Amino acid sequence: MTNDPMTTEVSARICNHMNSDHKDTLAKYAIHYGGINSVSTVEMLEITSLWMKLKVDGNDLQIPFDHTLIDSSDAHKTLVSMSKSIPE
């Protein structure tokens, strides 16, 4: 895991990874943190130091983080922590 600053390139890399390998987690984020009732399609569009933006069933959904992300390593740790905090 690298400690790259939160740039548009890092955002694209994280989004590509999440969209390829963690669609189920993205849906859980939308439901738990975004207040969405159900999800048919979901895609991560962007991640910044303050929030992540998802496209859920054609609509944009912005989910804020509980702190300002420092770098890509912090983003990874935060996304994992958020996932683990979601009840089964």
PDB file of N, CA and C in Angstrom:
ATOM      1  N   MET A   1       0.853  -1.175   0.000  1.00  0.00           N
ATOM      2  CA  MET A   1       0.000   0.000   0.000  1.00  0.00           C
ATOM      3  C   MET A   1       0.896   1.234   0.000  1.00  0.00           C
ATOM      4  N   THR A   2       0.642   2.116  -0.941  1.00  0.00           N
ATOM      5  CA  THR A   2       1.451   3.331  -1.040  1.00  0.00           C
ATOM      6  C   THR A   2       0.798   4.468  -0.260  1.00  0.00           C
ATOM      7  N   ASN A   3       1.558   5.518  -0.068  1.00  0.00           N
ATOM      8  CA  ASN A   3       1.062   6.704   0.633  1.00  0.00           C
ATOM      9  C   ASN A   3       0.962   7.876  -0.329  1.00  0.00           C
ATOM     10  N   ASP A   4       0.354   7.649  -1.486  1.00  0.00           N
ATOM     11  CA  ASP A   4       0.223   8.699  -2.491  1.00  0.00           C
ATOM     12  C   ASP A   4      -0.813   9.730  -2.055  1.00  0.00           C
ATOM     13  N   PRO A   5      -0.551  11.025  -2.342  1.00  0.00           N
ATOM     14  CA  PRO A   5      -1.557  12.049  -2.030  1.00  0.00           C
ATOM     15  C   PRO A   5      -2.846  11.803  -2.816  1.00  0.00           C
ATOM     16  N   MET A   6      -3.950  12.336  -2.331  1.00  0.00           N
ATOM     17  CA  MET A   6      -5.253  12.124  -2.950  1.00  0.00           C
ATOM     18  C   MET A   6      -5.404  13.012  -4.192  1.00  0.00           C
ATOM     19  N   THR A   7      -4.906  12.511  -5.306  1.00  0.00           N
ATOM     20  CA  THR A   7      -4.980  13.211  -6.586  1.00  0.00           C
ATOM     21  C   THR A   7      -6.075  12.583  -7.445  1.00  0.00           C
ATOM     22  N   THR A   8      -6.333  13.185  -8.603  1.00  0.00           N
ATOM     23  CA  THR A   8      -7.318  12.597  -9.517  1.00  0.00           C
ATOM     24  C   THR A   8      -6.839  11.236 -10.025  1.00  0.00           C
ATOM     25  N   GLU A   9      -5.528  11.064 -10.167  1.00  0.00           N
ATOM     26  CA  GLU A   9      -4.982   9.780 -10.605  1.00  0.00           C
ATOM     27  C   GLU A   9      -5.210   8.707  -9.539  1.00  0.00           C
ATOM     28  N   VAL A  10      -4.996   9.063  -8.285  1.00  0.00           N
ATOM     29  CA  VAL A  10      -5.236   8.120  -7.188  1.00  0.00           C
ATOM     30  C   VAL A  10      -6.726   7.799  -7.108  1.00  0.00           C
ATOM     31  N   SER A  11      -7.571   8.797  -7.269  1.00  0.00           N
ATOM     32  CA  SER A  11      -9.012   8.577  -7.283  1.00  0.00           C
ATOM     33  C   SER A  11      -9.387   7.573  -8.369  1.00  0.00           C
ATOM     34  N   ALA A  12      -8.860   7.750  -9.560  1.00  0.00           N
ATOM     35  CA  ALA A  12      -9.165   6.839 -10.671  1.00  0.00           C
ATOM     36  C   ALA A  12      -8.705   5.421 -10.350  1.00  0.00           C
ATOM     37  N   ARG A  13      -7.538   5.291  -9.758  1.00  0.00           N
ATOM     38  CA  ARG A  13      -7.001   3.969  -9.406  1.00  0.00           C
ATOM     39  C   ARG A  13      -7.894   3.289  -8.369  1.00  0.00           C
ATOM     40  N   ILE A  14      -8.280   4.019  -7.330  1.00  0.00           N
ATOM     41  CA  ILE A  14      -9.144   3.449  -6.291  1.00  0.00           C
ATOM     42  C   ILE A  14     -10.511   3.090  -6.873  1.00  0.00           C
ATOM     43  N   CYS A  15     -11.078   3.979  -7.674  1.00  0.00           N
ATOM     44  CA  CYS A  15     -12.382   3.712  -8.293  1.00  0.00           C
ATOM     45  C   CYS A  15     -12.329   2.471  -9.172  1.00  0.00           C
ATOM     46  N   ASN A  16     -11.304   2.352  -9.996  1.00  0.00           N
ATOM     47  CA  ASN A  16     -11.170   1.174 -10.861  1.00  0.00           C
ATOM     48  C   ASN A  16     -11.122  -0.102 -10.031  1.00  0.00           C
ATOM     49  N   HIS A  17     -10.347  -0.086  -8.951  1.00  0.00           N
ATOM     50  CA  HIS A  17     -10.238  -1.260  -8.081  1.00  0.00           C
ATOM     51  C   HIS A  17     -11.584  -1.583  -7.426  1.00  0.00           C
ATOM     52  N   MET A  18     -12.227  -0.584  -6.865  1.00  0.00           N
ATOM     53  CA  MET A  18     -13.504  -0.820  -6.187  1.00  0.00           C
ATOM     54  C   MET A  18     -14.569  -1.300  -7.169  1.00  0.00           C
ATOM     55  N   ASN A  19     -14.605  -0.714  -8.359  1.00  0.00           N
ATOM     56  CA  ASN A  19     -15.601  -1.111  -9.357  1.00  0.00           C
ATOM     57  C   ASN A  19     -15.342  -2.510  -9.897  1.00  0.00           C
ATOM     58  N   SER A  20     -14.087  -2.913  -9.966  1.00  0.00           N
ATOM     59  CA  SER A  20     -13.743  -4.244 -10.473  1.00  0.00           C
ATOM     60  C   SER A  20     -13.920  -5.333  -9.425  1.00  0.00           C
ATOM     61  N   ASP A  21     -13.537  -5.031  -8.178  1.00  0.00           N
ATOM     62  CA  ASP A  21     -13.426  -6.087  -7.170  1.00  0.00           C
ATOM     63  C   ASP A  21     -14.383  -5.979  -5.987  1.00  0.00           C
ATOM     64  N   HIS A  22     -15.074  -4.858  -5.824  1.00  0.00           N
ATOM     65  CA  HIS A  22     -15.854  -4.665  -4.601  1.00  0.00           C
ATOM     66  C   HIS A  22     -17.226  -4.038  -4.839  1.00  0.00           C
ATOM     67  N   LYS A  23     -17.919  -4.475  -5.889  1.00  0.00           N
ATOM     68  CA  LYS A  23     -19.263  -3.940  -6.171  1.00  0.00           C
ATOM     69  C   LYS A  23     -20.211  -4.181  -4.999  1.00  0.00           C
ATOM     70  N   ASP A  24     -20.101  -5.342  -4.356  1.00  0.00           N
ATOM     71  CA  ASP A  24     -20.980  -5.640  -3.227  1.00  0.00           C
ATOM     72  C   ASP A  24     -20.759  -4.661  -2.078  1.00  0.00           C
ATOM     73  N   THR A  25     -19.509  -4.295  -1.841  1.00  0.00           N
ATOM     74  CA  THR A  25     -19.195  -3.331  -0.785  1.00  0.00           C
ATOM     75  C   THR A  25     -19.730  -1.953  -1.143  1.00  0.00           C
ATOM     76  N   LEU A  26     -19.615  -1.562  -2.403  1.00  0.00           N
ATOM     77  CA  LEU A  26     -20.153  -0.266  -2.830  1.00  0.00           C
ATOM     78  C   LEU A  26     -21.660  -0.201  -2.584  1.00  0.00           C
ATOM     79  N   ALA A  27     -22.355  -1.292  -2.875  1.00  0.00           N
ATOM     80  CA  ALA A  27     -23.803  -1.334  -2.630  1.00  0.00           C
ATOM     81  C   ALA A  27     -24.091  -1.194  -1.140  1.00  0.00           C
ATOM     82  N   LYS A  28     -23.277  -1.841  -0.308  1.00  0.00           N
ATOM     83  CA  LYS A  28     -23.459  -1.732   1.145  1.00  0.00           C
ATOM     84  C   LYS A  28     -23.214  -0.305   1.621  1.00  0.00           C
ATOM     85  N   TYR A  29     -22.197   0.373   1.064  1.00  0.00           N
ATOM     86  CA  TYR A  29     -21.963   1.784   1.406  1.00  0.00           C
ATOM     87  C   TYR A  29     -23.202   2.619   1.079  1.00  0.00           C
ATOM     88  N   ALA A  30     -23.760   2.401  -0.114  1.00  0.00           N
ATOM     89  CA  ALA A  30     -24.920   3.188  -0.552  1.00  0.00           C
ATOM     90  C   ALA A  30     -26.106   2.990   0.382  1.00  0.00           C
ATOM     91  N   ILE A  31     -26.332   1.755   0.796  1.00  0.00           N
ATOM     92  CA  ILE A  31     -27.466   1.458   1.669  1.00  0.00           C
ATOM     93  C   ILE A  31     -27.211   1.980   3.083  1.00  0.00           C
ATOM     94  N   HIS A  32     -26.063   1.636   3.649  1.00  0.00           N
ATOM     95  CA  HIS A  32     -25.800   1.973   5.052  1.00  0.00           C
ATOM     96  C   HIS A  32     -25.482   3.455   5.258  1.00  0.00           C
ATOM     97  N   TYR A  33     -24.558   3.983   4.477  1.00  0.00           N
ATOM     98  CA  TYR A  33     -24.114   5.365   4.677  1.00  0.00           C
ATOM     99  C   TYR A  33     -24.908   6.376   3.849  1.00  0.00           C
ATOM    100  N   GLY A  34     -25.507   5.904   2.752  1.00  0.00           N
ATOM    101  CA  GLY A  34     -26.235   6.819   1.874  1.00  0.00           C
ATOM    102  C   GLY A  34     -27.734   6.802   2.047  1.00  0.00           C
ATOM    103  N   GLY A  35     -28.238   5.867   2.853  1.00  0.00           N
ATOM    104  CA  GLY A  35     -29.667   5.817   3.117  1.00  0.00           C
ATOM    105  C   GLY A  35     -30.507   5.314   1.963  1.00  0.00           C
ATOM    106  N   ILE A  36     -29.887   4.609   1.029  1.00  0.00           N
ATOM    107  CA  ILE A  36     -30.610   4.053  -0.118  1.00  0.00           C
ATOM    108  C   ILE A  36     -31.279   2.747   0.322  1.00  0.00           C
ATOM    109  N   ASN A  37     -32.520   2.511  -0.108  1.00  0.00           N
ATOM    110  CA  ASN A  37     -33.242   1.302   0.304  1.00  0.00           C
ATOM    111  C   ASN A  37     -32.747   0.043  -0.382  1.00  0.00           C
ATOM    112  N   SER A  38     -32.489   0.135  -1.677  1.00  0.00           N
ATOM    113  CA  SER A  38     -32.000  -1.020  -2.428  1.00  0.00           C
ATOM    114  C   SER A  38     -31.147  -0.520  -3.586  1.00  0.00           C
ATOM    115  N   VAL A  39     -30.278  -1.401  -4.060  1.00  0.00           N
ATOM    116  CA  VAL A  39     -29.332  -1.030  -5.116  1.00  0.00           C
ATOM    117  C   VAL A  39     -29.360  -2.086  -6.210  1.00  0.00           C
ATOM    118  N   SER A  40     -29.613  -1.650  -7.448  1.00  0.00           N
ATOM    119  CA  SER A  40     -29.512  -2.550  -8.599  1.00  0.00           C
ATOM    120  C   SER A  40     -28.151  -2.413  -9.263  1.00  0.00           C
ATOM    121  N   THR A  41     -27.726  -1.160  -9.489  1.00  0.00           N
ATOM    122  CA  THR A  41     -26.412  -0.908 -10.083  1.00  0.00           C
ATOM    123  C   THR A  41     -25.686   0.147  -9.260  1.00  0.00           C
ATOM    124  N   VAL A  42     -24.383  -0.032  -9.134  1.00  0.00           N
ATOM    125  CA  VAL A  42     -23.576   0.922  -8.372  1.00  0.00           C
ATOM    126  C   VAL A  42     -22.184   0.998  -8.977  1.00  0.00           C
ATOM    127  N   GLU A  43     -21.634   2.197  -8.948  1.00  0.00           N
ATOM    128  CA  GLU A  43     -20.289   2.441  -9.458  1.00  0.00           C
ATOM    129  C   GLU A  43     -19.675   3.579  -8.647  1.00  0.00           C
ATOM    130  N   MET A  44     -18.408   3.436  -8.279  1.00  0.00           N
ATOM    131  CA  MET A  44     -17.699   4.537  -7.628  1.00  0.00           C
ATOM    132  C   MET A  44     -17.190   5.460  -8.722  1.00  0.00           C
ATOM    133  N   LEU A  45     -17.579   6.734  -8.651  1.00  0.00           N
ATOM    134  CA  LEU A  45     -17.192   7.720  -9.657  1.00  0.00           C
ATOM    135  C   LEU A  45     -15.940   8.488  -9.277  1.00  0.00           C
ATOM    136  N   GLU A  46     -15.805   8.791  -7.980  1.00  0.00           N
ATOM    137  CA  GLU A  46     -14.715   9.658  -7.536  1.00  0.00           C
ATOM    138  C   GLU A  46     -14.528   9.492  -6.038  1.00  0.00           C
ATOM    139  N   ILE A  47     -13.291   9.672  -5.586  1.00  0.00           N
ATOM    140  CA  ILE A  47     -13.008   9.728  -4.161  1.00  0.00           C
ATOM    141  C   ILE A  47     -12.053  10.892  -3.929  1.00  0.00           C
ATOM    142  N   THR A  48     -12.372  11.706  -2.927  1.00  0.00           N
ATOM    143  CA  THR A  48     -11.525  12.839  -2.558  1.00  0.00           C
ATOM    144  C   THR A  48     -11.131  12.666  -1.093  1.00  0.00           C
ATOM    145  N   SER A  49     -10.436  13.627  -0.570  1.00  0.00           N
ATOM    146  CA  SER A  49     -10.062  13.552   0.842  1.00  0.00           C
ATOM    147  C   SER A  49     -11.265  13.755   1.765  1.00  0.00           C
ATOM    148  N   LEU A  50     -12.389  14.231   1.222  1.00  0.00           N
ATOM    149  CA  LEU A  50     -13.566  14.530   2.040  1.00  0.00           C
ATOM    150  C   LEU A  50     -14.744  13.581   1.841  1.00  0.00           C
ATOM    151  N   TRP A  51     -14.869  12.972   0.654  1.00  0.00           N
ATOM    152  CA  TRP A  51     -16.030  12.155   0.350  1.00  0.00           C
ATOM    153  C   TRP A  51     -15.765  11.193  -0.810  1.00  0.00           C
ATOM    154  N   MET A  52     -16.695  10.241  -0.959  1.00  0.00           N
ATOM    155  CA  MET A  52     -16.713   9.400  -2.160  1.00  0.00           C
ATOM    156  C   MET A  52     -18.025   9.659  -2.876  1.00  0.00           C
ATOM    157  N   LYS A  53     -17.972   9.618  -4.195  1.00  0.00           N
ATOM    158  CA  LYS A  53     -19.179   9.798  -4.998  1.00  0.00           C
ATOM    159  C   LYS A  53     -19.472   8.487  -5.717  1.00  0.00           C
ATOM    160  N   LEU A  54     -20.687   7.991  -5.509  1.00  0.00           N
ATOM    161  CA  LEU A  54     -21.158   6.777  -6.160  1.00  0.00           C
ATOM    162  C   LEU A  54     -22.269   7.136  -7.137  1.00  0.00           C
ATOM    163  N   LYS A  55     -22.414   6.318  -8.170  1.00  0.00           N
ATOM    164  CA  LYS A  55     -23.599   6.388  -9.032  1.00  0.00           C
ATOM    165  C   LYS A  55     -24.423   5.157  -8.683  1.00  0.00           C
ATOM    166  N   VAL A  56     -25.609   5.398  -8.137  1.00  0.00           N
ATOM    167  CA  VAL A  56     -26.482   4.325  -7.679  1.00  0.00           C
ATOM    168  C   VAL A  56     -27.762   4.374  -8.497  1.00  0.00           C
ATOM    169  N   ASP A  57     -27.979   3.336  -9.291  1.00  0.00           N
ATOM    170  CA  ASP A  57     -29.171   3.266 -10.140  1.00  0.00           C
ATOM    171  C   ASP A  57     -29.371   4.546 -10.941  1.00  0.00           C
ATOM    172  N   GLY A  58     -28.266   5.087 -11.461  1.00  0.00           N
ATOM    173  CA  GLY A  58     -28.310   6.263 -12.325  1.00  0.00           C
ATOM    174  C   GLY A  58     -28.255   7.597 -11.616  1.00  0.00           C
ATOM    175  N   ASN A  59     -28.270   7.599 -10.288  1.00  0.00           N
ATOM    176  CA  ASN A  59     -28.245   8.846  -9.518  1.00  0.00           C
ATOM    177  C   ASN A  59     -26.939   8.982  -8.745  1.00  0.00           C
ATOM    178  N   ASP A  60     -26.399  10.200  -8.698  1.00  0.00           N
ATOM    179  CA  ASP A  60     -25.180  10.453  -7.931  1.00  0.00           C
ATOM    180  C   ASP A  60     -25.490  10.483  -6.442  1.00  0.00           C
ATOM    181  N   LEU A  61     -24.594   9.899  -5.666  1.00  0.00           N
ATOM    182  CA  LEU A  61     -24.712   9.864  -4.210  1.00  0.00           C
ATOM    183  C   LEU A  61     -23.344  10.184  -3.623  1.00  0.00           C
ATOM    184  N   GLN A  62     -23.265  11.227  -2.836  1.00  0.00           N
ATOM    185  CA  GLN A  62     -22.008  11.623  -2.204  1.00  0.00           C
ATOM    186  C   GLN A  62     -22.042  11.208  -0.736  1.00  0.00           C
ATOM    187  N   ILE A  63     -21.030  10.460  -0.314  1.00  0.00           N
ATOM    188  CA  ILE A  63     -20.941   9.982   1.065  1.00  0.00           C
ATOM    189  C   ILE A  63     -19.710  10.608   1.706  1.00  0.00           C
ATOM    190  N   PRO A  64     -19.903  11.432   2.737  1.00  0.00           N
ATOM    191  CA  PRO A  64     -18.761  12.082   3.387  1.00  0.00           C
ATOM    192  C   PRO A  64     -18.002  11.112   4.292  1.00  0.00           C
ATOM    193  N   PHE A  65     -16.715  11.377   4.473  1.00  0.00           N
ATOM    194  CA  PHE A  65     -15.909  10.619   5.424  1.00  0.00           C
ATOM    195  C   PHE A  65     -15.976  11.297   6.781  1.00  0.00           C
ATOM    196  N   ASP A  66     -15.638  10.570   7.831  1.00  0.00           N
ATOM    197  CA  ASP A  66     -15.683  11.137   9.183  1.00  0.00           C
ATOM    198  C   ASP A  66     -14.429  11.933   9.527  1.00  0.00           C
ATOM    199  N   HIS A  67     -13.472  11.958   8.610  1.00  0.00           N
ATOM    200  CA  HIS A  67     -12.255  12.758   8.769  1.00  0.00           C
ATOM    201  C   HIS A  67     -11.695  13.043   7.380  1.00  0.00           C
ATOM    202  N   THR A  68     -10.768  13.957   7.287  1.00  0.00           N
ATOM    203  CA  THR A  68     -10.122  14.271   6.015  1.00  0.00           C
ATOM    204  C   THR A  68      -9.052  13.224   5.738  1.00  0.00           C
ATOM    205  N   LEU A  69      -9.158  12.565   4.590  1.00  0.00           N
ATOM    206  CA  LEU A  69      -8.175  11.542   4.224  1.00  0.00           C
ATOM    207  C   LEU A  69      -6.833  12.200   3.926  1.00  0.00           C
ATOM    208  N   ILE A  70      -5.775  11.609   4.438  1.00  0.00           N
ATOM    209  CA  ILE A  70      -4.430  12.153   4.277  1.00  0.00           C
ATOM    210  C   ILE A  70      -3.811  11.714   2.951  1.00  0.00           C
ATOM    211  N   ASP A  71      -3.989  10.433   2.618  1.00  0.00           N
ATOM    212  CA  ASP A  71      -3.345   9.864   1.438  1.00  0.00           C
ATOM    213  C   ASP A  71      -4.063   8.574   1.048  1.00  0.00           C
ATOM    214  N   SER A  72      -3.509   7.870   0.044  1.00  0.00           N
ATOM    215  CA  SER A  72      -4.152   6.658  -0.461  1.00  0.00           C
ATOM    216  C   SER A  72      -4.193   5.549   0.585  1.00  0.00           C
ATOM    217  N   SER A  73      -3.191   5.476   1.430  1.00  0.00           N
ATOM    218  CA  SER A  73      -3.186   4.477   2.496  1.00  0.00           C
ATOM    219  C   SER A  73      -4.320   4.747   3.487  1.00  0.00           C
ATOM    220  N   ASP A  74      -4.513   6.003   3.837  1.00  0.00           N
ATOM    221  CA  ASP A  74      -5.609   6.389   4.724  1.00  0.00           C
ATOM    222  C   ASP A  74      -6.951   6.090   4.058  1.00  0.00           C
ATOM    223  N   ALA A  75      -7.047   6.322   2.757  1.00  0.00           N
ATOM    224  CA  ALA A  75      -8.279   6.008   2.023  1.00  0.00           C
ATOM    225  C   ALA A  75      -8.584   4.519   2.128  1.00  0.00           C
ATOM    226  N   HIS A  76      -7.576   3.687   1.910  1.00  0.00           N
ATOM    227  CA  HIS A  76      -7.758   2.237   1.997  1.00  0.00           C
ATOM    228  C   HIS A  76      -8.230   1.836   3.392  1.00  0.00           C
ATOM    229  N   LYS A  77      -7.539   2.316   4.407  1.00  0.00           N
ATOM    230  CA  LYS A  77      -7.902   1.972   5.790  1.00  0.00           C
ATOM    231  C   LYS A  77      -9.319   2.445   6.117  1.00  0.00           C
ATOM    232  N   THR A  78      -9.670   3.620   5.652  1.00  0.00           N
ATOM    233  CA  THR A  78     -10.995   4.176   5.934  1.00  0.00           C
ATOM    234  C   THR A  78     -12.086   3.379   5.234  1.00  0.00           C
ATOM    235  N   LEU A  79     -11.881   3.033   3.969  1.00  0.00           N
ATOM    236  CA  LEU A  79     -12.881   2.248   3.240  1.00  0.00           C
ATOM    237  C   LEU A  79     -13.067   0.873   3.877  1.00  0.00           C
ATOM    238  N   VAL A  80     -11.973   0.245   4.296  1.00  0.00           N
ATOM    239  CA  VAL A  80     -12.065  -1.058   4.967  1.00  0.00           C
ATOM    240  C   VAL A  80     -12.809  -0.914   6.290  1.00  0.00           C
ATOM    241  N   SER A  81     -12.459   0.097   7.063  1.00  0.00           N
ATOM    242  CA  SER A  81     -13.122   0.328   8.351  1.00  0.00           C
ATOM    243  C   SER A  81     -14.617   0.585   8.166  1.00  0.00           C
ATOM    244  N   MET A  82     -14.969   1.381   7.163  1.00  0.00           N
ATOM    245  CA  MET A  82     -16.381   1.650   6.885  1.00  0.00           C
ATOM    246  C   MET A  82     -17.115   0.362   6.533  1.00  0.00           C
ATOM    247  N   SER A  83     -16.475  -0.482   5.739  1.00  0.00           N
ATOM    248  CA  SER A  83     -17.079  -1.749   5.344  1.00  0.00           C
ATOM    249  C   SER A  83     -17.306  -2.647   6.559  1.00  0.00           C
ATOM    250  N   LYS A  84     -16.301  -2.723   7.420  1.00  0.00           N
ATOM    251  CA  LYS A  84     -16.406  -3.579   8.609  1.00  0.00           C
ATOM    252  C   LYS A  84     -17.429  -3.056   9.610  1.00  0.00           C
ATOM    253  N   SER A  85     -17.747  -1.773   9.548  1.00  0.00           N
ATOM    254  CA  SER A  85     -18.717  -1.174  10.474  1.00  0.00           C
ATOM    255  C   SER A  85     -20.164  -1.421  10.064  1.00  0.00           C
ATOM    256  N   ILE A  86     -20.370  -1.951   8.869  1.00  0.00           N
ATOM    257  CA  ILE A  86     -21.727  -2.196   8.372  1.00  0.00           C
ATOM    258  C   ILE A  86     -22.231  -3.522   8.944  1.00  0.00           C
ATOM    259  N   PRO A  87     -23.373  -3.497   9.629  1.00  0.00           N
ATOM    260  CA  PRO A  87     -23.925  -4.752  10.162  1.00  0.00           C
ATOM    261  C   PRO A  87     -24.247  -5.725   9.031  1.00  0.00           C
ATOM    262  N   GLU A  88     -24.083  -6.990   9.315  1.00  0.00           N
ATOM    263  CA  GLU A  88     -24.373  -8.034   8.308  1.00  0.00           C
ATOM    264  C   GLU A  88     -25.844  -8.117   8.000  1.00  0.00           C
TER     265      GLU A  88
END
